[in-house]
Amino acid sequence: MSRDAILLVDALRDPATTRDLDAQGWTELLSMARTEQLVGTLAERLKSESVPSKVAEILAEAHINADYQRRSALWEADSARRALTGYEGKVVLLKGTAYVAAGLNAGGGRHIGDLDILVARKDLPEVEQGLLAAGWEWVKPDPYDDAYYRDHMHELPPLIHKERDRMIDVHHTILPLTARRRPDADGMLVEARQIGSGLYVLSNADMICHSAAHLFADGDLAGGLRNLWDIHCLLSEFSSPEFWAQLRERAARHQLSEPVERAVRLAHQLYGTEIPTDWAGWHRQDKWYVARLTARDGWGRSTRKFIRLIFYIRSHWLRMPPLMLAQHLWTKWRRN
């Protein structure tokens, strides 16, 4: 088994490419999809295709699981809303829960894990107390980790509900406070739009900015194919001359022009997203991002270890200055 995850990319981009797969090809495709947490999305994309009976059973199970995750995500979002009934600020849903709550195409079959919300930083104490009173508790009780989150990160330490065992991440911005880029979180809250039951989602352009920041400015591209598929779906659904102009303006405002432009280019390159000609092109470094995104073999295992290491180092370099990074890693090493 030597194919990389371009096999999965092709299946998502054009489901007809799966028609000639043999048993080994299907095994590889499903292994990659599971590992990349895209098996539910693949099932959604292949629902009109004729597939082998064994594959159909696997995809049917993926459909059921994706629907369960969707309903669970919406329940958790509503639970958070009820816990914060007295809070007068905006509670903005992020990532997968936002997509399904807003009825966006990106939510189709999507894997959804933790609940992520965005609130104003000044309101964190009120939100924190509301959630604690409603049954959430700290996952990281360690004093160093708690202080590190509060002083340097873009979110509170993660919370988990003591009865439902479900996580919530409370964000006050979209990148760590130590990162070189400084998105305008207050501006995102101002532009957030209300959906049913009093919750909010980011504006269309800010939703792309957040997804691009999460993919290219805040990590080592783990889960990158799923996140890039989100961007493909969002761009395809939002596309209009007015949207593309607004996306440029918002990306610049959030200091995210480079990550957003790369996200648009790679969505076009890998998934065939239709984009304006002035957004198209190819940069020399893009090939390394493609190599990292598709570094998966037919067993679903990680490949291209050196490229993964480079992106891992890059992710920490983007998160904090070198001296602070060294101090943080030294402290964590001594405590483990």
Protein backbone atom coordinates (compact mmCIF):
# COMPACT_ATOMS: atom_id res chain seq x y z
CA MET A 1 0.00 0.00 0.00
CA SER A 2 1.81 3.09 -1.18
CA ARG A 3 -0.81 5.63 -2.22
CA ASP A 4 -0.98 8.85 -0.23
CA ALA A 5 -4.11 10.74 0.80
CA ILE A 6 -4.62 12.20 -2.68
CA LEU A 7 -6.82 9.11 -3.04
CA LEU A 8 -9.12 10.55 -0.37
CA VAL A 9 -8.91 14.06 -1.82
CA ASP A 10 -9.96 12.77 -5.24
CA ALA A 11 -12.92 10.84 -3.78
CA LEU A 12 -14.19 13.94 -2.00
CA ARG A 13 -13.61 16.18 -5.00
CA ASP A 14 -15.24 13.80 -7.49
CA PRO A 15 -17.06 10.74 -6.08
CA ALA A 16 -17.02 9.16 -9.56
CA THR A 17 -13.30 8.44 -9.08
CA THR A 18 -14.25 5.65 -6.68
CA ARG A 19 -16.05 3.61 -9.35
CA ASP A 20 -12.90 1.81 -10.47
CA LEU A 21 -11.58 0.99 -6.99
CA ASP A 22 -10.85 -2.64 -6.17
CA ALA A 23 -11.06 -4.15 -2.68
CA GLN A 24 -7.61 -2.87 -1.73
CA GLY A 25 -8.44 0.58 -3.04
CA TRP A 26 -11.58 0.73 -0.89
CA THR A 27 -9.62 -0.47 2.14
CA GLU A 28 -7.06 2.29 1.62
CA LEU A 29 -9.68 4.96 1.05
CA LEU A 30 -11.70 4.06 4.14
CA SER A 31 -8.56 3.77 6.29
CA MET A 32 -7.47 7.25 5.26
CA ALA A 33 -10.95 8.68 5.76
CA ARG A 34 -11.24 7.24 9.27
CA THR A 35 -7.84 8.54 10.33
CA GLU A 36 -8.52 12.00 8.89
CA GLN A 37 -11.96 12.01 10.58
CA LEU A 38 -13.60 12.34 7.18
CA VAL A 39 -15.46 9.05 6.93
CA GLY A 40 -18.81 10.74 7.63
CA THR A 41 -18.08 13.37 5.00
CA LEU A 42 -17.06 10.65 2.55
CA ALA A 43 -20.31 8.82 3.26
CA GLU A 44 -22.23 12.01 2.51
CA ARG A 45 -20.34 12.53 -0.74
CA LEU A 46 -20.87 8.93 -1.89
CA LYS A 47 -24.57 8.65 -1.03
CA SER A 48 -25.55 8.74 -4.71
CA GLU A 49 -22.81 6.32 -5.81
CA SER A 50 -23.14 2.57 -6.19
CA VAL A 51 -20.57 0.96 -3.88
CA PRO A 52 -19.77 -2.64 -2.84
CA SER A 53 -22.12 -4.05 -0.20
CA LYS A 54 -19.46 -4.18 2.53
CA VAL A 55 -18.52 -0.58 1.82
CA ALA A 56 -22.20 0.41 1.88
CA GLU A 57 -22.50 -1.06 5.39
CA ILE A 58 -19.51 0.94 6.60
CA LEU A 59 -20.81 4.15 5.03
CA ALA A 60 -24.29 3.57 6.49
CA GLU A 61 -22.74 3.26 9.94
CA ALA A 62 -20.77 6.46 9.29
CA HIS A 63 -24.03 8.24 8.38
CA ILE A 64 -25.61 7.11 11.65
CA ASN A 65 -22.58 8.19 13.67
CA ALA A 66 -22.42 11.59 11.95
CA ASP A 67 -26.11 12.17 12.66
CA TYR A 68 -25.56 11.23 16.31
CA GLN A 69 -22.65 13.69 16.53
CA ARG A 70 -24.78 16.40 14.91
CA ARG A 71 -27.62 15.92 17.41
CA SER A 72 -25.18 15.71 20.34
CA ALA A 73 -23.44 18.91 19.21
CA LEU A 74 -26.70 20.80 18.99
CA TRP A 75 -27.74 19.49 22.41
CA GLU A 76 -24.43 20.65 23.94
CA ALA A 77 -24.79 24.06 22.32
CA ASP A 78 -28.26 24.42 23.77
CA SER A 79 -27.01 23.23 27.16
CA ALA A 80 -24.37 25.96 27.13
CA ARG A 81 -27.02 28.50 26.11
CA ARG A 82 -29.23 27.47 29.03
CA ALA A 83 -26.27 27.61 31.42
CA LEU A 84 -25.61 31.18 30.28
CA THR A 85 -29.21 32.37 30.22
CA GLY A 86 -28.43 35.46 32.30
CA TYR A 87 -25.39 36.40 30.23
CA GLU A 88 -26.10 39.44 28.05
CA GLY A 89 -23.15 39.09 25.67
CA LYS A 90 -22.97 37.05 22.48
CA VAL A 91 -22.24 33.32 22.67
CA VAL A 92 -20.74 32.50 19.28
CA LEU A 93 -20.54 28.89 18.12
CA LEU A 94 -17.35 27.88 16.31
CA LYS A 95 -16.22 25.11 13.96
CA GLY A 96 -18.36 22.03 13.38
CA THR A 97 -21.16 22.95 15.78
CA ALA A 98 -21.49 26.32 14.07
CA TYR A 99 -21.78 24.66 10.66
CA VAL A 100 -24.58 22.29 11.67
CA ALA A 101 -26.40 24.88 13.79
CA ALA A 102 -26.38 27.34 10.89
CA GLY A 103 -27.43 24.65 8.39
CA LEU A 104 -24.29 25.08 6.27
CA ASN A 105 -23.10 22.53 3.73
CA ALA A 106 -19.82 22.17 5.65
CA GLY A 107 -21.82 20.38 8.35
CA GLY A 108 -22.81 17.50 6.08
CA GLY A 109 -21.38 14.32 7.63
CA ARG A 110 -18.79 16.32 9.54
CA HIS A 111 -17.03 14.85 12.56
CA ILE A 112 -17.78 17.04 15.59
CA GLY A 113 -15.88 16.70 18.84
CA ASP A 114 -15.74 19.38 21.53
CA LEU A 115 -18.07 22.35 21.71
CA ASP A 116 -16.18 25.56 20.93
CA ILE A 117 -17.63 28.97 21.74
CA LEU A 118 -16.35 32.54 21.50
CA VAL A 119 -17.22 35.24 24.05
CA ALA A 120 -15.81 38.63 24.94
CA ARG A 121 -12.61 38.44 26.95
CA LYS A 122 -13.89 40.86 29.57
CA ASP A 123 -16.80 38.51 30.21
CA LEU A 124 -14.75 35.36 30.83
CA PRO A 125 -15.27 35.36 34.63
CA GLU A 126 -19.06 35.53 34.22
CA VAL A 127 -19.13 32.83 31.55
CA GLU A 128 -16.76 30.63 33.54
CA GLN A 129 -18.90 30.83 36.66
CA GLY A 130 -22.08 30.13 34.70
CA LEU A 131 -20.64 26.94 33.22
CA LEU A 132 -19.16 25.74 36.52
CA ALA A 133 -22.51 26.25 38.22
CA ALA A 134 -24.20 24.18 35.48
CA GLY A 135 -22.00 21.12 35.99
CA TRP A 136 -18.83 21.68 33.98
CA GLU A 137 -15.48 21.22 35.74
CA TRP A 138 -11.82 21.70 34.93
CA VAL A 139 -9.94 19.13 32.87
CA LYS A 140 -6.53 20.61 33.76
CA PRO A 141 -6.41 21.30 37.50
CA ASP A 142 -2.62 21.69 37.43
CA PRO A 143 -1.76 25.27 38.57
CA TYR A 144 0.93 25.77 35.89
CA ASP A 145 -1.39 24.68 33.06
CA ASP A 146 -4.22 26.80 34.44
CA ALA A 147 -2.02 29.89 34.66
CA TYR A 148 -0.54 29.25 31.22
CA TYR A 149 -3.99 29.08 29.60
CA ARG A 150 -5.20 32.21 31.34
CA ASP A 151 -2.10 34.29 30.66
CA HIS A 152 -1.10 33.18 27.18
CA MET A 153 -3.78 31.20 25.35
CA HIS A 154 -6.84 32.18 23.30
CA GLU A 155 -9.17 30.17 25.51
CA LEU A 156 -9.86 29.14 29.06
CA PRO A 157 -8.52 25.78 30.25
CA PRO A 158 -10.85 23.11 28.82
CA LEU A 159 -13.94 22.16 30.78
CA ILE A 160 -15.80 18.85 30.84
CA HIS A 161 -19.34 18.19 32.02
CA LYS A 162 -19.26 15.89 35.02
CA GLU A 163 -22.39 13.99 33.97
CA ARG A 164 -22.26 13.97 30.14
CA ASP A 165 -18.46 13.74 29.77
CA ARG A 166 -18.56 16.37 27.02
CA MET A 167 -15.89 19.03 26.56
CA ILE A 168 -16.32 22.75 26.01
CA ASP A 169 -13.58 25.19 24.96
CA VAL A 170 -14.35 28.82 25.79
CA HIS A 171 -12.46 31.12 23.42
CA HIS A 172 -11.98 34.86 23.75
CA THR A 173 -10.02 35.14 20.49
CA ILE A 174 -8.93 32.72 17.74
CA LEU A 175 -5.12 32.58 18.14
CA PRO A 176 -2.92 32.37 21.25
CA LEU A 177 -2.08 35.73 22.81
CA THR A 178 1.59 34.92 22.23
CA ALA A 179 1.11 34.47 18.46
CA ARG A 180 2.56 36.99 16.05
CA ARG A 181 -0.78 37.61 14.37
CA ARG A 182 -3.46 39.43 16.34
CA PRO A 183 -6.98 38.92 14.99
CA ASP A 184 -9.63 41.46 15.96
CA ALA A 185 -11.79 39.28 18.22
CA ASP A 186 -14.00 42.21 19.25
CA GLY A 187 -14.66 42.90 15.57
CA MET A 188 -15.63 39.27 15.06
CA LEU A 189 -18.14 39.50 17.90
CA VAL A 190 -19.63 42.69 16.50
CA GLU A 191 -20.17 41.09 13.06
CA ALA A 192 -21.42 37.73 14.42
CA ARG A 193 -24.97 36.92 13.29
CA GLN A 194 -27.72 35.41 15.38
CA ILE A 195 -29.23 32.02 14.59
CA GLY A 196 -32.03 30.12 16.32
CA SER A 197 -32.34 29.94 20.11
CA GLY A 198 -30.29 33.06 20.73
CA LEU A 199 -26.87 31.70 19.78
CA TYR A 200 -24.56 33.26 17.19
CA VAL A 201 -22.12 32.25 14.46
CA LEU A 202 -19.33 34.26 12.87
CA SER A 203 -20.00 36.28 9.74
CA ASN A 204 -19.29 34.44 6.50
CA ALA A 205 -15.93 36.11 5.91
CA ASP A 206 -14.84 35.76 9.54
CA MET A 207 -15.78 32.08 9.46
CA ILE A 208 -13.24 31.58 6.66
CA CYS A 209 -10.66 33.67 8.54
CA HIS A 210 -11.09 31.54 11.65
CA SER A 211 -10.85 28.27 9.75
CA ALA A 212 -7.74 29.43 7.88
CA ALA A 213 -6.15 30.64 11.12
CA HIS A 214 -6.84 27.29 12.77
CA LEU A 215 -5.38 25.44 9.80
CA PHE A 216 -2.28 27.46 8.89
CA ALA A 217 -1.48 29.83 11.76
CA ASP A 218 -2.12 27.71 14.84
CA GLY A 219 -0.92 24.16 14.48
CA ASP A 220 1.01 21.50 12.61
CA LEU A 221 -1.78 20.85 10.04
CA ALA A 222 -3.09 17.81 11.92
CA GLY A 223 -6.60 17.24 10.61
CA GLY A 224 -5.77 19.52 7.73
CA LEU A 225 -7.72 17.72 5.01
CA ARG A 226 -10.91 17.97 7.08
CA ASN A 227 -10.34 21.64 7.84
CA LEU A 228 -9.55 22.40 4.21
CA TRP A 229 -12.75 20.59 3.18
CA ASP A 230 -14.63 22.91 5.55
CA ILE A 231 -13.07 25.88 3.76
CA HIS A 232 -13.94 24.42 0.35
CA CYS A 233 -17.58 23.98 1.37
CA LEU A 234 -17.83 27.42 2.96
CA LEU A 235 -16.23 29.20 0.00
CA SER A 236 -18.47 27.35 -2.45
CA GLU A 237 -21.60 28.25 -0.46
CA PHE A 238 -20.71 31.88 0.27
CA SER A 239 -19.19 32.77 -3.12
CA SER A 240 -20.26 36.10 -4.64
CA PRO A 241 -18.35 39.21 -5.76
CA GLU A 242 -19.35 40.96 -2.54
CA PHE A 243 -18.20 38.06 -0.39
CA TRP A 244 -14.75 37.84 -1.99
CA ALA A 245 -14.20 41.58 -1.53
CA GLN A 246 -15.29 41.32 2.09
CA LEU A 247 -13.03 38.32 2.67
CA ARG A 248 -9.98 40.32 1.57
CA GLU A 249 -10.94 43.19 3.85
CA ARG A 250 -11.62 40.98 6.87
CA ALA A 251 -8.48 38.89 6.36
CA ALA A 252 -6.37 42.05 6.33
CA ARG A 253 -8.15 43.39 9.41
CA HIS A 254 -7.40 40.18 11.31
CA GLN A 255 -3.75 40.05 10.11
CA LEU A 256 -4.60 36.78 8.35
CA SER A 257 -4.19 37.67 4.67
CA GLU A 258 -1.44 35.11 4.09
CA PRO A 259 -3.20 32.13 5.76
CA VAL A 260 -6.52 32.98 4.09
CA GLU A 261 -4.94 33.33 0.64
CA ARG A 262 -3.11 30.01 1.10
CA ALA A 263 -6.32 28.32 2.23
CA VAL A 264 -8.14 29.58 -0.86
CA ARG A 265 -5.33 28.45 -3.18
CA LEU A 266 -5.06 24.98 -1.66
CA ALA A 267 -8.83 24.46 -1.57
CA HIS A 268 -8.82 25.26 -5.29
CA GLN A 269 -5.82 23.03 -5.96
CA LEU A 270 -6.95 19.99 -3.99
CA TYR A 271 -10.75 20.14 -3.96
CA GLY A 272 -11.42 22.14 -7.10
CA THR A 273 -13.05 25.08 -5.33
CA GLU A 274 -14.13 27.73 -7.83
CA ILE A 275 -12.35 30.98 -6.96
CA PRO A 276 -11.86 34.38 -8.67
CA THR A 277 -8.84 34.64 -10.94
CA ASP A 278 -7.18 37.24 -8.72
CA TRP A 279 -7.12 34.69 -5.88
CA ALA A 280 -5.62 31.94 -8.03
CA GLY A 281 -1.95 31.18 -8.52
CA TRP A 282 0.68 28.95 -6.99
CA HIS A 283 3.38 29.81 -4.49
CA ARG A 284 6.61 27.86 -4.15
CA GLN A 285 5.90 26.86 -0.56
CA ASP A 286 2.43 25.51 -1.36
CA LYS A 287 3.87 22.18 -2.46
CA TRP A 288 5.17 21.53 1.06
CA TYR A 289 1.71 22.17 2.50
CA VAL A 290 0.21 19.70 0.02
CA ALA A 291 2.88 17.15 0.95
CA ARG A 292 2.05 17.58 4.64
CA LEU A 293 -1.72 17.48 4.13
CA THR A 294 -1.56 14.25 2.13
CA ALA A 295 1.06 12.48 4.29
CA ARG A 296 -0.97 9.33 4.92
CA ASP A 297 -0.47 5.80 3.59
CA GLY A 298 -3.01 3.14 2.65
CA TRP A 299 -3.11 1.82 6.22
CA GLY A 300 -4.01 5.27 7.48
CA ARG A 301 -0.56 5.69 9.02
CA SER A 302 1.43 8.93 9.07
CA THR A 303 4.14 9.27 6.43
CA ARG A 304 6.79 11.89 5.55
CA LYS A 305 8.05 12.08 9.10
CA PHE A 306 10.58 14.83 8.40
CA ILE A 307 7.97 17.11 6.81
CA ARG A 308 5.66 16.47 9.77
CA LEU A 309 8.49 17.36 12.16
CA ILE A 310 9.16 20.62 10.31
CA PHE A 311 5.49 21.61 10.53
CA TYR A 312 5.40 20.63 14.21
CA ILE A 313 8.37 22.91 14.92
CA ARG A 314 6.74 25.62 12.80
CA SER A 315 3.53 25.40 14.82
CA HIS A 316 5.38 26.14 18.06
CA TRP A 317 7.42 28.89 16.41
CA LEU A 318 4.17 30.61 15.36
CA ARG A 319 2.65 30.30 18.82
CA MET A 320 5.29 32.04 20.91
CA PRO A 321 8.69 33.79 20.86
CA PRO A 322 11.76 31.48 21.02
CA LEU A 323 12.77 32.27 24.61
CA MET A 324 9.25 31.81 25.89
CA LEU A 325 8.92 28.57 23.92
CA ALA A 326 12.14 27.22 25.42
CA GLN A 327 11.00 28.10 28.94
CA HIS A 328 7.58 26.52 28.38
CA LEU A 329 8.98 23.28 26.95
CA TRP A 330 11.58 23.08 29.74
CA THR A 331 8.90 23.52 32.40
CA LYS A 332 6.61 20.91 30.81
CA TRP A 333 9.51 18.46 30.46
CA ARG A 334 10.49 18.83 34.13
CA ARG A 335 6.89 18.27 35.27
CA ASN A 336 6.37 15.08 33.21
